[in-house]
Amino acid sequence: MESLEGLKRTALCADLSEESLEQEVTLMGWCQVQRDLGGLIFISLRDRSGIMQLVVDEESPEAVRDKASKVRSEYVLAVKGLMRERENPNPEMKTGLWEIHVNELRILSQSKTPPFYIEEESDVKESLRLKHRYLDLRRSPMQRNLNVRSDITNFTRQFFSQEGFLDIETPMLGKSTPEGARDYLVPSRIFPGKFFALPQSPQLYKQLLMVSGVDRYFQIAKCFRDEDLRADRQPEFTQIDLEMSFVKQEDVMSLVESYLKALWVEVKGQHVEDAFPRLTWEEAMRRFGSDKPDIRFGMELQDISDLVKDTDFKVFTSAIEAGGRVELIVAPGAGSMTRKEIDKLQDFVKDYGAGGLAWLVPGETWRGSILKFMDDELLSKLKEETAAKDGDLLLIVSDRNFRTVQTALGALRSHLGKMLELYDPSTDAFCWVTDFPLLEWDEEEKRFVAVHHPFTMPNEEDLDLLDKDPGKVRALAYDIVLNGYELGGGSIRIHDQDLQNKMFELLGFSKEQAYENFSFLLEAFQYGVPPHGGLAIGLDRLVMLALGIDNIKEVIAFPKVQSSADLMTRAPGFVSDRQLEDLSLAVNTSEPEKAQEE
């Protein structure tokens, strides 16, 4: 292999312009493909910016021609040559008008034949791509994703710095506290039997920074949650974390809205002119069946309980009598679906707790699974009140728990919106969801749990309900939603010590338990706490949505798979007995299992 001695790269491939014509340039990168036509050799040289065509012909030195004939895909090259116009230009390539006539070539590193082609589009199994992620990242779409992520990160730092925020790092090794998702634990060698926890968020630290008088804090923060994964979630993730003192809910929302509008101009060149729509949590659930609604299309939920309460269909009537509801969505033009396709939709809603799915198709002759329970007058009213048209598909869910109805239909709405192409996927629709419940009842633990976290401020209008009816208390909490994804969330925090103690009491903590878990916070609250609030935006999800991608692994350099394993490094792995002894740990485990390839 040869060295770089005496050579210095003068440009990236795609950074060259017409100004460099007839000038000598030095490029370095990987061989995308080599084509040997006898006396003429073409090499496509790739770096992170793009591809440039290299030409080695009879005018090139003999040593260059000899080396060029030996070059193979993914060899690492350094070349020096004259940039000229291509005889056969390719206007679809950014560099397609030019080529480099090589007069010096060095092979810096050879390569085995890769397990898959390094090309723009890849239908290779994801597990193979992740196992060889360093190769997958060479592909231009992945390079683009990483570039956009870097651009968003840089813009974010500049924006919040200009708004007077201090960029402050908070600890990675902290204390495990109850509530929320499961922690990743780190055993302590110095304190046998004790554990640090990796942060699920910097929540407590950023509140303490407000007590410290920092006033405005932000951080590109690494966070960890030991929970089941999905397409838009990872066990370790990055969030844009911020906190502000002396603010109300409107102040935080207004700032974040300005940030996202400015970011969309910077990254996508799109102007979002209007203010983001605002929905209360109750309205979002009632209209869309989701607290993260995709508002790019209609097909909203409709309550037909009053219409069908007197039918002979016991599934409906028993749900209504038990305090539940019967609701539907109207899928436009979907009445042509086959029975098999509708059965799949029925299986779909069962995954969200629904017992089943009834359906009707209006027309000159109605069709449907519950037609025998419907007379002509009821069908006519149903069509009129739902604004259904002939050939539409009415999909109906009933349950004793109306939240189950909303959740199942909301998920079905999102599923059908994409399947029926009811919106332009290139459009973006932001909205705010506010007034979340402060608490929800956990049937398994027989106690209230915090919907967001124990430090969320109750709506002042509902403070008298904390003793009377805690489940009806609204929180000063807000989520920013984009295209059916929760982009971020935040709240105004409790800054009154008595109210914070009351919150712990509602969550089932004794004074001793609250102090054991949160003594550092409660002690700090004795020394003057400003009103404060903040928000965190998922950076990984933000990049994913900005790029129009539906898999979060595509915007993370080294992601995990569904089992939380890293297929490239084969983490997690076993450690030596010596390491376990140092940590005063003993492990009870079965034979090693292979990381799940998904």
Foldseek 3Di string as FASTA:
>chain_A
DDDCVPHDFDDEQLVDDPVQAQHKGKYKAWFQAWDPPDQKIWTWGDDLVGTAIEIEGPVADPVVVVVSVVHGGGFIKMFIFGKHADPDFDVVGSNRGIHGYTRDMDRPGHDDDDPDRQEQDDPDAVLSCLQPVVSVCSRNLLSVLQVLLVVLVVLLVVLVVVVVADEDDDDQWADDFDADADWDWAFDLVDFPDTTTGAQDCVLVVLVVLLVVSFKYWYQDWHAGPDFDDQADFRIFTKTWMKGFPDALVVFLVSVQVSVQVSCCVRVVDHDDDDAAEAACVRCLQFQLDLQAQPQFHQTKDWCLVLCCPWPPCLSVVLVVLVKTKIKTKAPLQLPDDPVVVVVLQVQLVVLVFPGKWKWADDPDIDTDCVVRDDPVSVVVVCVVNVHDHNIMIIMTGHNHHSSRSNSNNVSVLVSCVVVVRGDLVDKHKHKYFFAQQWDADPVVRAIGGPVHLFWAWDPVCPVCLVPPSRPITTQKMFMHMSRHGFKIKHWTDLALVVSVSSCVRRPADPVRCCVRQVVSSVSSVSDRGGMMIMMGGSLVVSCSSVSHSGSVSSDSFGADSVSARSNVQPPDDDDPVVCVSSVHDDDDDPDDGDDRD
